[in-house]
Amino acid sequence: MPKMKTKSAAKKRFSFTANGHVKAGVAGKRHGMIKRSTTFIRQATGTMILSEPDAKIVKKYMPYNR
């Protein structure tokens, strides 16, 4: 049986923590910052841990990086 392929888009956008949680960048920071509140902009810095239902989807695309 051939090896499963990792999705290149998922490889670039997500990474795993040591405990197996999925780390991702915070959504909503690409453009349109004028309409966002300063509180949102400040809290949306860095990365975040995905929720379990979202992490389950990402893990399907990255079979060897767990």
PDB file of N, CA and C in Angstrom:
ATOM      1  N   MET A   1       0.846  -1.184   0.000  1.00  0.00           N
ATOM      2  CA  MET A   1       0.000   0.000   0.000  1.00  0.00           C
ATOM      3  C   MET A   1       0.888   1.243   0.000  1.00  0.00           C
ATOM      4  N   PRO A   2       0.593   2.225  -0.844  1.00  0.00           N
ATOM      5  CA  PRO A   2       1.458   3.417  -0.919  1.00  0.00           C
ATOM      6  C   PRO A   2       1.330   4.284   0.332  1.00  0.00           C
ATOM      7  N   LYS A   3       2.343   5.124   0.528  1.00  0.00           N
ATOM      8  CA  LYS A   3       2.321   6.043   1.659  1.00  0.00           C
ATOM      9  C   LYS A   3       1.242   7.101   1.456  1.00  0.00           C
ATOM     10  N   MET A   4       0.625   7.531   2.549  1.00  0.00           N
ATOM     11  CA  MET A   4      -0.351   8.609   2.470  1.00  0.00           C
ATOM     12  C   MET A   4       0.403   9.925   2.341  1.00  0.00           C
ATOM     13  N   LYS A   5      -0.171  10.872   1.619  1.00  0.00           N
ATOM     14  CA  LYS A   5       0.507  12.144   1.411  1.00  0.00           C
ATOM     15  C   LYS A   5      -0.022  13.198   2.374  1.00  0.00           C
ATOM     16  N   THR A   6       0.901  14.016   2.885  1.00  0.00           N
ATOM     17  CA  THR A   6       0.538  15.158   3.702  1.00  0.00           C
ATOM     18  C   THR A   6       0.117  16.295   2.789  1.00  0.00           C
ATOM     19  N   LYS A   7      -0.980  16.970   3.123  1.00  0.00           N
ATOM     20  CA  LYS A   7      -1.423  18.121   2.335  1.00  0.00           C
ATOM     21  C   LYS A   7      -0.453  19.277   2.555  1.00  0.00           C
ATOM     22  N   SER A   8       0.070  19.843   1.489  1.00  0.00           N
ATOM     23  CA  SER A   8       1.059  20.908   1.594  1.00  0.00           C
ATOM     24  C   SER A   8       0.482  22.151   2.263  1.00  0.00           C
ATOM     25  N   ALA A   9      -0.776  22.463   2.004  1.00  0.00           N
ATOM     26  CA  ALA A   9      -1.393  23.641   2.614  1.00  0.00           C
ATOM     27  C   ALA A   9      -1.479  23.477   4.127  1.00  0.00           C
ATOM     28  N   ALA A  10      -1.835  22.288   4.589  1.00  0.00           N
ATOM     29  CA  ALA A  10      -1.928  22.032   6.026  1.00  0.00           C
ATOM     30  C   ALA A  10      -0.550  22.062   6.669  1.00  0.00           C
ATOM     31  N   LYS A  11       0.438  21.579   5.959  1.00  0.00           N
ATOM     32  CA  LYS A  11       1.804  21.556   6.475  1.00  0.00           C
ATOM     33  C   LYS A  11       2.318  22.967   6.744  1.00  0.00           C
ATOM     34  N   LYS A  12       1.914  23.916   5.887  1.00  0.00           N
ATOM     35  CA  LYS A  12       2.380  25.295   6.028  1.00  0.00           C
ATOM     36  C   LYS A  12       1.614  26.057   7.107  1.00  0.00           C
ATOM     37  N   ARG A  13       0.371  25.673   7.386  1.00  0.00           N
ATOM     38  CA  ARG A  13      -0.482  26.474   8.270  1.00  0.00           C
ATOM     39  C   ARG A  13      -0.570  25.972   9.696  1.00  0.00           C
ATOM     40  N   PHE A  14      -0.326  24.689   9.923  1.00  0.00           N
ATOM     41  CA  PHE A  14      -0.534  24.105  11.243  1.00  0.00           C
ATOM     42  C   PHE A  14       0.733  23.412  11.731  1.00  0.00           C
ATOM     43  N   SER A  15       0.871  23.348  13.070  1.00  0.00           N
ATOM     44  CA  SER A  15       1.939  22.564  13.671  1.00  0.00           C
ATOM     45  C   SER A  15       1.382  21.922  14.932  1.00  0.00           C
ATOM     46  N   PHE A  16       2.104  20.945  15.463  1.00  0.00           N
ATOM     47  CA  PHE A  16       1.640  20.202  16.622  1.00  0.00           C
ATOM     48  C   PHE A  16       2.476  20.541  17.847  1.00  0.00           C
ATOM     49  N   THR A  17       1.811  20.576  19.006  1.00  0.00           N
ATOM     50  CA  THR A  17       2.524  20.768  20.257  1.00  0.00           C
ATOM     51  C   THR A  17       3.026  19.412  20.730  1.00  0.00           C
ATOM     52  N   ALA A  18       3.793  19.408  21.800  1.00  0.00           N
ATOM     53  CA  ALA A  18       4.338  18.155  22.330  1.00  0.00           C
ATOM     54  C   ALA A  18       3.232  17.235  22.839  1.00  0.00           C
ATOM     55  N   ASN A  19       2.127  17.807  23.292  1.00  0.00           N
ATOM     56  CA  ASN A  19       1.011  16.994  23.790  1.00  0.00           C
ATOM     57  C   ASN A  19       0.063  16.544  22.700  1.00  0.00           C
ATOM     58  N   GLY A  20       0.316  16.941  21.446  1.00  0.00           N
ATOM     59  CA  GLY A  20      -0.516  16.504  20.334  1.00  0.00           C
ATOM     60  C   GLY A  20      -1.623  17.460  19.953  1.00  0.00           C
ATOM     61  N   HIS A  21      -1.676  18.636  20.582  1.00  0.00           N
ATOM     62  CA  HIS A  21      -2.664  19.623  20.186  1.00  0.00           C
ATOM     63  C   HIS A  21      -2.209  20.301  18.898  1.00  0.00           C
ATOM     64  N   VAL A  22      -3.157  20.849  18.153  1.00  0.00           N
ATOM     65  CA  VAL A  22      -2.847  21.509  16.888  1.00  0.00           C
ATOM     66  C   VAL A  22      -2.758  23.013  17.111  1.00  0.00           C
ATOM     67  N   LYS A  23      -1.650  23.605  16.662  1.00  0.00           N
ATOM     68  CA  LYS A  23      -1.399  25.027  16.819  1.00  0.00           C
ATOM     69  C   LYS A  23      -1.621  25.706  15.478  1.00  0.00           C
ATOM     70  N   ALA A  24      -2.301  26.859  15.477  1.00  0.00           N
ATOM     71  CA  ALA A  24      -2.604  27.572  14.233  1.00  0.00           C
ATOM     72  C   ALA A  24      -2.590  29.068  14.494  1.00  0.00           C
ATOM     73  N   GLY A  25      -2.445  29.830  13.414  1.00  0.00           N
ATOM     74  CA  GLY A  25      -2.530  31.272  13.528  1.00  0.00           C
ATOM     75  C   GLY A  25      -3.966  31.716  13.745  1.00  0.00           C
ATOM     76  N   VAL A  26      -4.140  32.847  14.399  1.00  0.00           N
ATOM     77  CA  VAL A  26      -5.476  33.351  14.690  1.00  0.00           C
ATOM     78  C   VAL A  26      -6.099  33.923  13.411  1.00  0.00           C
ATOM     79  N   ALA A  27      -7.369  33.621  13.182  1.00  0.00           N
ATOM     80  CA  ALA A  27      -8.059  34.078  11.978  1.00  0.00           C
ATOM     81  C   ALA A  27      -8.481  35.534  12.115  1.00  0.00           C
ATOM     82  N   GLY A  28      -8.647  36.201  10.976  1.00  0.00           N
ATOM     83  CA  GLY A  28      -9.205  37.537  10.966  1.00  0.00           C
ATOM     84  C   GLY A  28      -8.203  38.659  11.040  1.00  0.00           C
ATOM     85  N   LYS A  29      -6.927  38.397  10.718  1.00  0.00           N
ATOM     86  CA  LYS A  29      -5.916  39.443  10.841  1.00  0.00           C
ATOM     87  C   LYS A  29      -5.251  39.783   9.506  1.00  0.00           C
ATOM     88  N   ARG A  30      -5.835  39.389   8.400  1.00  0.00           N
ATOM     89  CA  ARG A  30      -5.202  39.613   7.099  1.00  0.00           C
ATOM     90  C   ARG A  30      -5.430  41.026   6.567  1.00  0.00           C
ATOM     91  N   HIS A  31      -6.648  41.512   6.679  1.00  0.00           N
ATOM     92  CA  HIS A  31      -6.965  42.843   6.162  1.00  0.00           C
ATOM     93  C   HIS A  31      -8.196  43.341   6.890  1.00  0.00           C
ATOM     94  N   GLY A  32      -8.554  44.608   6.659  1.00  0.00           N
ATOM     95  CA  GLY A  32      -9.731  45.182   7.294  1.00  0.00           C
ATOM     96  C   GLY A  32      -9.528  45.492   8.759  1.00  0.00           C
ATOM     97  N   MET A  33      -8.311  45.913   9.130  1.00  0.00           N
ATOM     98  CA  MET A  33      -8.027  46.160  10.535  1.00  0.00           C
ATOM     99  C   MET A  33      -8.738  47.402  11.073  1.00  0.00           C
ATOM    100  N   ILE A  34      -9.161  48.315  10.193  1.00  0.00           N
ATOM    101  CA  ILE A  34      -9.822  49.535  10.655  1.00  0.00           C
ATOM    102  C   ILE A  34     -11.156  49.197  11.324  1.00  0.00           C
ATOM    103  N   LYS A  35     -11.875  48.235  10.780  1.00  0.00           N
ATOM    104  CA  LYS A  35     -13.174  47.889  11.359  1.00  0.00           C
ATOM    105  C   LYS A  35     -13.061  46.983  12.583  1.00  0.00           C
ATOM    106  N   ARG A  36     -11.898  46.422  12.855  1.00  0.00           N
ATOM    107  CA  ARG A  36     -11.704  45.578  14.032  1.00  0.00           C
ATOM    108  C   ARG A  36     -11.442  46.451  15.253  1.00  0.00           C
ATOM    109  N   SER A  37     -11.861  45.966  16.406  1.00  0.00           N
ATOM    110  CA  SER A  37     -11.588  46.717  17.630  1.00  0.00           C
ATOM    111  C   SER A  37     -10.132  46.509  18.032  1.00  0.00           C
ATOM    112  N   THR A  38      -9.602  47.444  18.767  1.00  0.00           N
ATOM    113  CA  THR A  38      -8.208  47.316  19.213  1.00  0.00           C
ATOM    114  C   THR A  38      -8.053  46.136  20.164  1.00  0.00           C
ATOM    115  N   THR A  39      -9.110  45.820  20.899  1.00  0.00           N
ATOM    116  CA  THR A  39      -9.075  44.654  21.788  1.00  0.00           C
ATOM    117  C   THR A  39      -8.905  43.373  20.987  1.00  0.00           C
ATOM    118  N   PHE A  40      -9.650  43.262  19.888  1.00  0.00           N
ATOM    119  CA  PHE A  40      -9.534  42.077  19.046  1.00  0.00           C
ATOM    120  C   PHE A  40      -8.135  41.954  18.455  1.00  0.00           C
ATOM    121  N   ILE A  41      -7.614  43.058  17.944  1.00  0.00           N
ATOM    122  CA  ILE A  41      -6.294  43.037  17.309  1.00  0.00           C
ATOM    123  C   ILE A  41      -5.235  42.617  18.318  1.00  0.00           C
ATOM    124  N   ARG A  42      -5.340  43.113  19.523  1.00  0.00           N
ATOM    125  CA  ARG A  42      -4.361  42.785  20.552  1.00  0.00           C
ATOM    126  C   ARG A  42      -4.454  41.317  20.963  1.00  0.00           C
ATOM    127  N   GLN A  43      -5.662  40.797  21.090  1.00  0.00           N
ATOM    128  CA  GLN A  43      -5.840  39.416  21.530  1.00  0.00           C
ATOM    129  C   GLN A  43      -5.549  38.406  20.427  1.00  0.00           C
ATOM    130  N   ALA A  44      -5.550  38.845  19.170  1.00  0.00           N
ATOM    131  CA  ALA A  44      -5.377  37.924  18.050  1.00  0.00           C
ATOM    132  C   ALA A  44      -3.916  37.818  17.609  1.00  0.00           C
ATOM    133  N   THR A  45      -2.977  38.186  18.454  1.00  0.00           N
ATOM    134  CA  THR A  45      -1.563  38.048  18.105  1.00  0.00           C
ATOM    135  C   THR A  45      -1.105  36.621  18.370  1.00  0.00           C
ATOM    136  N   GLY A  46      -0.064  36.210  17.690  1.00  0.00           N
ATOM    137  CA  GLY A  46       0.525  34.898  17.937  1.00  0.00           C
ATOM    138  C   GLY A  46      -0.301  33.758  17.388  1.00  0.00           C
ATOM    139  N   THR A  47      -0.265  32.643  18.099  1.00  0.00           N
ATOM    140  CA  THR A  47      -0.957  31.435  17.656  1.00  0.00           C
ATOM    141  C   THR A  47      -1.968  31.007  18.707  1.00  0.00           C
ATOM    142  N   MET A  48      -2.821  30.054  18.328  1.00  0.00           N
ATOM    143  CA  MET A  48      -3.827  29.528  19.237  1.00  0.00           C
ATOM    144  C   MET A  48      -3.909  28.017  19.087  1.00  0.00           C
ATOM    145  N   ILE A  49      -4.493  27.357  20.067  1.00  0.00           N
ATOM    146  CA  ILE A  49      -4.720  25.914  20.018  1.00  0.00           C
ATOM    147  C   ILE A  49      -6.114  25.680  19.456  1.00  0.00           C
ATOM    148  N   LEU A  50      -6.219  24.826  18.448  1.00  0.00           N
ATOM    149  CA  LEU A  50      -7.515  24.555  17.829  1.00  0.00           C
ATOM    150  C   LEU A  50      -8.391  23.709  18.747  1.00  0.00           C
ATOM    151  N   SER A  51      -9.698  23.836  18.595  1.00  0.00           N
ATOM    152  CA  SER A  51     -10.635  23.010  19.343  1.00  0.00           C
ATOM    153  C   SER A  51     -10.567  21.572  18.817  1.00  0.00           C
ATOM    154  N   GLU A  52     -11.072  20.652  19.598  1.00  0.00           N
ATOM    155  CA  GLU A  52     -10.981  19.235  19.241  1.00  0.00           C
ATOM    156  C   GLU A  52     -11.643  18.895  17.908  1.00  0.00           C
ATOM    157  N   PRO A  53     -12.864  19.409  17.601  1.00  0.00           N
ATOM    158  CA  PRO A  53     -13.448  19.077  16.291  1.00  0.00           C
ATOM    159  C   PRO A  53     -12.609  19.587  15.120  1.00  0.00           C
ATOM    160  N   ASP A  54     -12.031  20.790  15.259  1.00  0.00           N
ATOM    161  CA  ASP A  54     -11.186  21.326  14.192  1.00  0.00           C
ATOM    162  C   ASP A  54      -9.869  20.565  14.108  1.00  0.00           C
ATOM    163  N   ALA A  55      -9.310  20.207  15.246  1.00  0.00           N
ATOM    164  CA  ALA A  55      -8.043  19.473  15.269  1.00  0.00           C
ATOM    165  C   ALA A  55      -8.196  18.104  14.610  1.00  0.00           C
ATOM    166  N   LYS A  56      -9.359  17.495  14.774  1.00  0.00           N
ATOM    167  CA  LYS A  56      -9.615  16.188  14.168  1.00  0.00           C
ATOM    168  C   LYS A  56      -9.544  16.269  12.647  1.00  0.00           C
ATOM    169  N   ILE A  57     -10.035  17.368  12.078  1.00  0.00           N
ATOM    170  CA  ILE A  57     -10.001  17.560  10.628  1.00  0.00           C
ATOM    171  C   ILE A  57      -8.563  17.754  10.159  1.00  0.00           C
ATOM    172  N   VAL A  58      -7.796  18.561  10.884  1.00  0.00           N
ATOM    173  CA  VAL A  58      -6.418  18.851  10.488  1.00  0.00           C
ATOM    174  C   VAL A  58      -5.555  17.600  10.576  1.00  0.00           C
ATOM    175  N   LYS A  59      -5.757  16.774  11.595  1.00  0.00           N
ATOM    176  CA  LYS A  59      -4.948  15.567  11.771  1.00  0.00           C
ATOM    177  C   LYS A  59      -5.139  14.587  10.621  1.00  0.00           C
ATOM    178  N   LYS A  60      -6.297  14.647   9.979  1.00  0.00           N
ATOM    179  CA  LYS A  60      -6.546  13.783   8.824  1.00  0.00           C
ATOM    180  C   LYS A  60      -5.639  14.150   7.650  1.00  0.00           C
ATOM    181  N   TYR A  61      -5.307  15.448   7.530  1.00  0.00           N
ATOM    182  CA  TYR A  61      -4.477  15.910   6.426  1.00  0.00           C
ATOM    183  C   TYR A  61      -2.985  15.772   6.700  1.00  0.00           C
ATOM    184  N   MET A  62      -2.600  15.523   7.949  1.00  0.00           N
ATOM    185  CA  MET A  62      -1.183  15.415   8.314  1.00  0.00           C
ATOM    186  C   MET A  62      -0.943  14.086   9.024  1.00  0.00           C
ATOM    187  N   PRO A  63      -0.928  12.985   8.286  1.00  0.00           N
ATOM    188  CA  PRO A  63      -0.896  11.668   8.921  1.00  0.00           C
ATOM    189  C   PRO A  63       0.402  11.350   9.636  1.00  0.00           C
ATOM    190  N   TYR A  64       1.527  11.948   9.252  1.00  0.00           N
ATOM    191  CA  TYR A  64       2.815  11.544   9.812  1.00  0.00           C
ATOM    192  C   TYR A  64       3.387  12.539  10.800  1.00  0.00           C
ATOM    193  N   ASN A  65       2.712  13.655  11.073  1.00  0.00           N
ATOM    194  CA  ASN A  65       3.270  14.687  11.921  1.00  0.00           C
ATOM    195  C   ASN A  65       2.704  14.694  13.330  1.00  0.00           C
ATOM    196  N   ARG A  66       2.228  13.583  13.818  1.00  0.00           N
ATOM    197  CA  ARG A  66       1.597  13.584  15.146  1.00  0.00           C
ATOM    198  C   ARG A  66       2.558  13.223  16.234  1.00  0.00           C
TER     199      ARG A  66
END
